[in-house]
């Protein structure tokens, strides 16, 4: 039931010069490497963001509830 929100985001991103990354917290190699100690979802999301932050000047994190 989050598909409409995801499609809206994808539509918006077509009109702007932003890069979108959708990270699967359970499958992403970088998250597995850097965040394996974080079993609680809340902390794992923050750890995943910190793992990718060095790659960019700024970051906006959205999740299904945002």
PDB file of N, CA and C in Angstrom:
ATOM      1  N   UNK A   1       0.789  -1.192   0.000  1.00  0.00           N
ATOM      2  CA  UNK A   1       0.000   0.000   0.000  1.00  0.00           C
ATOM      3  C   UNK A   1       0.843   1.272   0.000  1.00  0.00           C
ATOM      4  N   UNK A   2       2.160   1.134  -0.001  1.00  0.00           N
ATOM      5  CA  UNK A   2       3.041   2.294  -0.097  1.00  0.00           C
ATOM      6  C   UNK A   2       3.427   2.594  -1.549  1.00  0.00           C
ATOM      7  N   UNK A   3       2.927   1.792  -2.463  1.00  0.00           N
ATOM      8  CA  UNK A   3       3.323   1.925  -3.867  1.00  0.00           C
ATOM      9  C   UNK A   3       2.962   3.295  -4.445  1.00  0.00           C
ATOM     10  N   UNK A   4       1.803   3.841  -4.121  1.00  0.00           N
ATOM     11  CA  UNK A   4       1.399   5.146  -4.655  1.00  0.00           C
ATOM     12  C   UNK A   4       2.382   6.228  -4.204  1.00  0.00           C
ATOM     13  N   UNK A   5       2.759   6.215  -2.946  1.00  0.00           N
ATOM     14  CA  UNK A   5       3.720   7.199  -2.437  1.00  0.00           C
ATOM     15  C   UNK A   5       5.066   7.042  -3.132  1.00  0.00           C
ATOM     16  N   UNK A   6       5.494   5.815  -3.333  1.00  0.00           N
ATOM     17  CA  UNK A   6       6.767   5.570  -4.007  1.00  0.00           C
ATOM     18  C   UNK A   6       6.704   6.035  -5.457  1.00  0.00           C
ATOM     19  N   UNK A   7       5.606   5.782  -6.133  1.00  0.00           N
ATOM     20  CA  UNK A   7       5.450   6.233  -7.511  1.00  0.00           C
ATOM     21  C   UNK A   7       5.436   7.755  -7.591  1.00  0.00           C
ATOM     22  N   UNK A   8       4.821   8.414  -6.630  1.00  0.00           N
ATOM     23  CA  UNK A   8       4.806   9.879  -6.597  1.00  0.00           C
ATOM     24  C   UNK A   8       6.221  10.429  -6.447  1.00  0.00           C
ATOM     25  N   UNK A   9       6.999   9.821  -5.570  1.00  0.00           N
ATOM     26  CA  UNK A   9       8.381  10.239  -5.384  1.00  0.00           C
ATOM     27  C   UNK A   9       9.179  10.034  -6.667  1.00  0.00           C
ATOM     28  N   UNK A  10       9.024   8.882  -7.299  1.00  0.00           N
ATOM     29  CA  UNK A  10       9.739   8.602  -8.540  1.00  0.00           C
ATOM     30  C   UNK A  10       9.356   9.598  -9.631  1.00  0.00           C
ATOM     31  N   UNK A  11       8.093   9.970  -9.707  1.00  0.00           N
ATOM     32  CA  UNK A  11       7.619  10.959 -10.678  1.00  0.00           C
ATOM     33  C   UNK A  11       8.266  12.316 -10.407  1.00  0.00           C
ATOM     34  N   UNK A  12       8.285  12.736  -9.167  1.00  0.00           N
ATOM     35  CA  UNK A  12       8.910  14.010  -8.799  1.00  0.00           C
ATOM     36  C   UNK A  12      10.387  14.018  -9.173  1.00  0.00           C
ATOM     37  N   UNK A  13      11.073  12.931  -8.905  1.00  0.00           N
ATOM     38  CA  UNK A  13      12.513  12.872  -9.147  1.00  0.00           C
ATOM     39  C   UNK A  13      12.865  12.949 -10.627  1.00  0.00           C
ATOM     40  N   UNK A  14      11.936  12.616 -11.499  1.00  0.00           N
ATOM     41  CA  UNK A  14      12.185  12.740 -12.937  1.00  0.00           C
ATOM     42  C   UNK A  14      12.349  14.199 -13.348  1.00  0.00           C
ATOM     43  N   UNK A  15      11.779  15.118 -12.583  1.00  0.00           N
ATOM     44  CA  UNK A  15      11.816  16.528 -12.930  1.00  0.00           C
ATOM     45  C   UNK A  15      12.903  17.328 -12.238  1.00  0.00           C
ATOM     46  N   UNK A  16      13.683  16.695 -11.396  1.00  0.00           N
ATOM     47  CA  UNK A  16      14.743  17.395 -10.667  1.00  0.00           C
ATOM     48  C   UNK A  16      16.059  16.640 -10.844  1.00  0.00           C
ATOM     49  N   UNK A  17      17.120  17.283 -10.497  1.00  0.00           N
ATOM     50  CA  UNK A  17      18.437  16.673 -10.670  1.00  0.00           C
ATOM     51  C   UNK A  17      18.918  16.045  -9.356  1.00  0.00           C
ATOM     52  N   UNK A  18      18.129  15.136  -8.821  1.00  0.00           N
ATOM     53  CA  UNK A  18      18.487  14.429  -7.600  1.00  0.00           C
ATOM     54  C   UNK A  18      18.746  12.967  -7.934  1.00  0.00           C
ATOM     55  N   UNK A  19      19.567  12.359  -7.151  1.00  0.00           N
ATOM     56  CA  UNK A  19      19.807  10.927  -7.270  1.00  0.00           C
ATOM     57  C   UNK A  19      19.030  10.233  -6.162  1.00  0.00           C
ATOM     58  N   UNK A  20      18.321   9.188  -6.517  1.00  0.00           N
ATOM     59  CA  UNK A  20      17.584   8.434  -5.507  1.00  0.00           C
ATOM     60  C   UNK A  20      18.262   7.080  -5.318  1.00  0.00           C
ATOM     61  N   UNK A  21      18.348   6.673  -4.077  1.00  0.00           N
ATOM     62  CA  UNK A  21      18.864   5.349  -3.750  1.00  0.00           C
ATOM     63  C   UNK A  21      17.857   4.694  -2.826  1.00  0.00           C
ATOM     64  N   UNK A  22      17.425   3.525  -3.185  1.00  0.00           N
ATOM     65  CA  UNK A  22      16.522   2.760  -2.325  1.00  0.00           C
ATOM     66  C   UNK A  22      17.323   1.587  -1.784  1.00  0.00           C
ATOM     67  N   UNK A  23      17.535   1.609  -0.498  1.00  0.00           N
ATOM     68  CA  UNK A  23      18.412   0.648   0.157  1.00  0.00           C
ATOM     69  C   UNK A  23      17.581  -0.401   0.885  1.00  0.00           C
ATOM     70  N   UNK A  24      17.834  -1.650   0.563  1.00  0.00           N
ATOM     71  CA  UNK A  24      17.222  -2.757   1.291  1.00  0.00           C
ATOM     72  C   UNK A  24      18.116  -3.037   2.499  1.00  0.00           C
ATOM     73  N   UNK A  25      17.640  -2.724   3.676  1.00  0.00           N
ATOM     74  CA  UNK A  25      18.459  -2.837   4.881  1.00  0.00           C
ATOM     75  C   UNK A  25      18.925  -4.257   5.165  1.00  0.00           C
ATOM     76  N   UNK A  26      18.229  -5.238   4.643  1.00  0.00           N
ATOM     77  CA  UNK A  26      18.598  -6.631   4.898  1.00  0.00           C
ATOM     78  C   UNK A  26      19.479  -7.225   3.812  1.00  0.00           C
ATOM     79  N   UNK A  27      19.544  -6.584   2.639  1.00  0.00           N
ATOM     80  CA  UNK A  27      20.279  -7.160   1.518  1.00  0.00           C
ATOM     81  C   UNK A  27      21.472  -6.328   1.060  1.00  0.00           C
ATOM     82  N   UNK A  28      21.504  -5.055   1.373  1.00  0.00           N
ATOM     83  CA  UNK A  28      22.560  -4.167   0.896  1.00  0.00           C
ATOM     84  C   UNK A  28      23.911  -4.550   1.498  1.00  0.00           C
ATOM     85  N   UNK A  29      24.918  -4.728   0.644  1.00  0.00           N
ATOM     86  CA  UNK A  29      26.231  -5.185   1.094  1.00  0.00           C
ATOM     87  C   UNK A  29      26.885  -4.205   2.065  1.00  0.00           C
ATOM     88  N   UNK A  30      26.796  -2.911   1.787  1.00  0.00           N
ATOM     89  CA  UNK A  30      27.422  -1.923   2.662  1.00  0.00           C
ATOM     90  C   UNK A  30      26.740  -1.903   4.029  1.00  0.00           C
ATOM     91  N   UNK A  31      25.433  -2.007   4.032  1.00  0.00           N
ATOM     92  CA  UNK A  31      24.697  -2.031   5.297  1.00  0.00           C
ATOM     93  C   UNK A  31      25.049  -3.295   6.078  1.00  0.00           C
ATOM     94  N   UNK A  32      25.143  -4.417   5.391  1.00  0.00           N
ATOM     95  CA  UNK A  32      25.527  -5.659   6.073  1.00  0.00           C
ATOM     96  C   UNK A  32      26.909  -5.527   6.708  1.00  0.00           C
ATOM     97  N   UNK A  33      27.826  -4.892   5.982  1.00  0.00           N
ATOM     98  CA  UNK A  33      29.195  -4.753   6.479  1.00  0.00           C
ATOM     99  C   UNK A  33      29.285  -3.801   7.672  1.00  0.00           C
ATOM    100  N   UNK A  34      28.630  -2.667   7.582  1.00  0.00           N
ATOM    101  CA  UNK A  34      28.814  -1.618   8.582  1.00  0.00           C
ATOM    102  C   UNK A  34      27.786  -1.626   9.709  1.00  0.00           C
ATOM    103  N   UNK A  35      26.658  -2.295   9.498  1.00  0.00           N
ATOM    104  CA  UNK A  35      25.551  -2.158  10.456  1.00  0.00           C
ATOM    105  C   UNK A  35      25.064  -3.485  11.023  1.00  0.00           C
ATOM    106  N   UNK A  36      25.859  -4.508  10.933  1.00  0.00           N
ATOM    107  CA  UNK A  36      25.405  -5.834  11.362  1.00  0.00           C
ATOM    108  C   UNK A  36      25.096  -5.907  12.860  1.00  0.00           C
ATOM    109  N   UNK A  37      25.688  -5.025  13.653  1.00  0.00           N
ATOM    110  CA  UNK A  37      25.434  -5.043  15.098  1.00  0.00           C
ATOM    111  C   UNK A  37      24.099  -4.406  15.463  1.00  0.00           C
ATOM    112  N   UNK A  38      23.517  -3.653  14.535  1.00  0.00           N
ATOM    113  CA  UNK A  38      22.251  -2.961  14.791  1.00  0.00           C
ATOM    114  C   UNK A  38      21.088  -3.854  14.395  1.00  0.00           C
ATOM    115  N   UNK A  39      20.477  -4.487  15.353  1.00  0.00           N
ATOM    116  CA  UNK A  39      19.349  -5.369  15.070  1.00  0.00           C
ATOM    117  C   UNK A  39      18.014  -4.635  15.099  1.00  0.00           C
ATOM    118  N   UNK A  40      17.930  -3.541  15.842  1.00  0.00           N
ATOM    119  CA  UNK A  40      16.692  -2.769  15.890  1.00  0.00           C
ATOM    120  C   UNK A  40      16.599  -1.904  14.637  1.00  0.00           C
ATOM    121  N   UNK A  41      15.455  -1.956  13.981  1.00  0.00           N
ATOM    122  CA  UNK A  41      15.254  -1.268  12.709  1.00  0.00           C
ATOM    123  C   UNK A  41      15.573   0.219  12.791  1.00  0.00           C
ATOM    124  N   UNK A  42      15.124   0.875  13.841  1.00  0.00           N
ATOM    125  CA  UNK A  42      15.348   2.312  13.997  1.00  0.00           C
ATOM    126  C   UNK A  42      16.834   2.651  13.913  1.00  0.00           C
ATOM    127  N   UNK A  43      17.662   1.927  14.632  1.00  0.00           N
ATOM    128  CA  UNK A  43      19.091   2.197  14.647  1.00  0.00           C
ATOM    129  C   UNK A  43      19.754   1.735  13.357  1.00  0.00           C
ATOM    130  N   UNK A  44      19.255   0.670  12.769  1.00  0.00           N
ATOM    131  CA  UNK A  44      19.821   0.176  11.518  1.00  0.00           C
ATOM    132  C   UNK A  44      19.619   1.196  10.396  1.00  0.00           C
ATOM    133  N   UNK A  45      18.464   1.870  10.373  1.00  0.00           N
ATOM    134  CA  UNK A  45      18.213   2.905   9.362  1.00  0.00           C
ATOM    135  C   UNK A  45      19.213   4.047   9.515  1.00  0.00           C
ATOM    136  N   UNK A  46      19.467   4.466  10.747  1.00  0.00           N
ATOM    137  CA  UNK A  46      20.430   5.542  10.969  1.00  0.00           C
ATOM    138  C   UNK A  46      21.841   5.103  10.585  1.00  0.00           C
ATOM    139  N   UNK A  47      22.186   3.895  10.909  1.00  0.00           N
ATOM    140  CA  UNK A  47      23.499   3.373  10.551  1.00  0.00           C
ATOM    141  C   UNK A  47      23.655   3.314   9.033  1.00  0.00           C
ATOM    142  N   UNK A  48      22.618   2.866   8.338  1.00  0.00           N
ATOM    143  CA  UNK A  48      22.668   2.793   6.874  1.00  0.00           C
ATOM    144  C   UNK A  48      22.867   4.177   6.274  1.00  0.00           C
ATOM    145  N   UNK A  49      22.166   5.161   6.795  1.00  0.00           N
ATOM    146  CA  UNK A  49      22.341   6.533   6.303  1.00  0.00           C
ATOM    147  C   UNK A  49      23.780   6.990   6.524  1.00  0.00           C
ATOM    148  N   UNK A  50      24.331   6.698   7.687  1.00  0.00           N
ATOM    149  CA  UNK A  50      25.712   7.116   7.967  1.00  0.00           C
ATOM    150  C   UNK A  50      26.713   6.381   7.078  1.00  0.00           C
ATOM    151  N   UNK A  51      26.384   5.179   6.652  1.00  0.00           N
ATOM    152  CA  UNK A  51      27.272   4.422   5.773  1.00  0.00           C
ATOM    153  C   UNK A  51      27.359   5.050   4.385  1.00  0.00           C
ATOM    154  N   UNK A  52      26.285   5.680   3.939  1.00  0.00           N
ATOM    155  CA  UNK A  52      26.253   6.292   2.609  1.00  0.00           C
ATOM    156  C   UNK A  52      26.529   7.793   2.624  1.00  0.00           C
ATOM    157  N   UNK A  53      26.490   8.427   3.768  1.00  0.00           N
ATOM    158  CA  UNK A  53      26.675   9.872   3.861  1.00  0.00           C
ATOM    159  C   UNK A  53      28.010  10.366   3.284  1.00  0.00           C
ATOM    160  N   UNK A  54      29.117   9.654   3.450  1.00  0.00           N
ATOM    161  CA  UNK A  54      30.377  10.143   2.873  1.00  0.00           C
ATOM    162  C   UNK A  54      30.353  10.274   1.343  1.00  0.00           C
ATOM    163  N   UNK A  55      29.395   9.647   0.695  1.00  0.00           N
ATOM    164  CA  UNK A  55      29.321   9.685  -0.771  1.00  0.00           C
ATOM    165  C   UNK A  55      28.653  10.944  -1.308  1.00  0.00           C
ATOM    166  N   UNK A  56      28.141  11.801  -0.446  1.00  0.00           N
ATOM    167  CA  UNK A  56      27.327  12.917  -0.915  1.00  0.00           C
ATOM    168  C   UNK A  56      27.536  14.166  -0.060  1.00  0.00           C
ATOM    169  N   UNK A  57      27.112  15.300  -0.596  1.00  0.00           N
ATOM    170  CA  UNK A  57      27.190  16.550   0.158  1.00  0.00           C
ATOM    171  C   UNK A  57      26.035  16.691   1.140  1.00  0.00           C
ATOM    172  N   UNK A  58      24.900  16.108   0.796  1.00  0.00           N
ATOM    173  CA  UNK A  58      23.731  16.174   1.666  1.00  0.00           C
ATOM    174  C   UNK A  58      22.840  14.969   1.392  1.00  0.00           C
ATOM    175  N   UNK A  59      21.930  14.706   2.311  1.00  0.00           N
ATOM    176  CA  UNK A  59      21.089  13.517   2.194  1.00  0.00           C
ATOM    177  C   UNK A  59      19.734  13.788   2.845  1.00  0.00           C
ATOM    178  N   UNK A  60      18.697  13.287   2.214  1.00  0.00           N
ATOM    179  CA  UNK A  60      17.349  13.288   2.780  1.00  0.00           C
ATOM    180  C   UNK A  60      16.928  11.835   2.887  1.00  0.00           C
ATOM    181  N   UNK A  61      16.572  11.406   4.068  1.00  0.00           N
ATOM    182  CA  UNK A  61      16.184  10.016   4.285  1.00  0.00           C
ATOM    183  C   UNK A  61      14.675   9.946   4.431  1.00  0.00           C
ATOM    184  N   UNK A  62      14.062   9.135   3.599  1.00  0.00           N
ATOM    185  CA  UNK A  62      12.629   8.877   3.672  1.00  0.00           C
ATOM    186  C   UNK A  62      12.429   7.393   3.899  1.00  0.00           C
ATOM    187  N   UNK A  63      11.377   7.055   4.601  1.00  0.00           N
ATOM    188  CA  UNK A  63      11.024   5.644   4.708  1.00  0.00           C
ATOM    189  C   UNK A  63       9.535   5.505   4.428  1.00  0.00           C
ATOM    190  N   UNK A  64       9.034   4.332   4.532  1.00  0.00           N
ATOM    191  CA  UNK A  64       7.643   4.060   4.149  1.00  0.00           C
ATOM    192  C   UNK A  64       6.644   4.863   4.969  1.00  0.00           C
ATOM    193  N   UNK A  65       7.017   5.253   6.168  1.00  0.00           N
ATOM    194  CA  UNK A  65       6.111   6.007   7.028  1.00  0.00           C
ATOM    195  C   UNK A  65       6.273   7.519   6.892  1.00  0.00           C
ATOM    196  N   UNK A  66       7.185   7.953   6.054  1.00  0.00           N
ATOM    197  CA  UNK A  66       7.457   9.386   5.903  1.00  0.00           C
ATOM    198  C   UNK A  66       6.525  10.000   4.888  1.00  0.00           C
TER     199      UNK A  66
END
